[in-house]
């Protein structure tokens, strides 16, 4: 399998996890995936469909499977990063030896992920109507028809980001403050992070 020079640069510049990235790269490439570089990380594809990403954090590096929720997880090693993550799942590593010890298992998971893609399986995402709308945001939507129309015109991902952000705080005062702060941004057709 050919390597991507951008991934070479990513690994070369890594201050932490360099040996782990190199081993994970070798394992993934051995499974016949195409190496790419997306979202500032090594990304591996099958027929232009994203299968797995290699990434690192302070305390661990990981393989992130784009459709990890569809994998059987026979070894119970897939981790959902947060409760709001729907499709991706990670396998985390604290050191090189953990990767070496799990090489056969990792290849099995990668091959299963390829089979999921070959089969055309899709993750059933929650609909935005399944997310709670905070009382504070609902009140504002009822008061301002223009805000309701602007919110409904946003992409589903932008809507979801606002719904999660507005409903997260425990205190009503904080939820209300968030709604007030982002009302104009919604009216301008922008997402939470635009």
Foldseek 3Di string as FASTA:
>chain_A
DDEDVLQVVLLVPDPPCNLVSVLVVVLLVVLVWDWDAPPNWIFTHDPPHTAWTWADDDQWTWIKGQQVVPDPPPVVQWADPDPQDFGITIRIDRDNVVCVVCSVVVSVRSVVSVVCVVVVDDGDDDFLVPFDADPLLVVVCVVDVLLVVLLVPADRVLNNVLRCVLPPDPDPVVSNVSCVVCSVVSSVSHGPVD
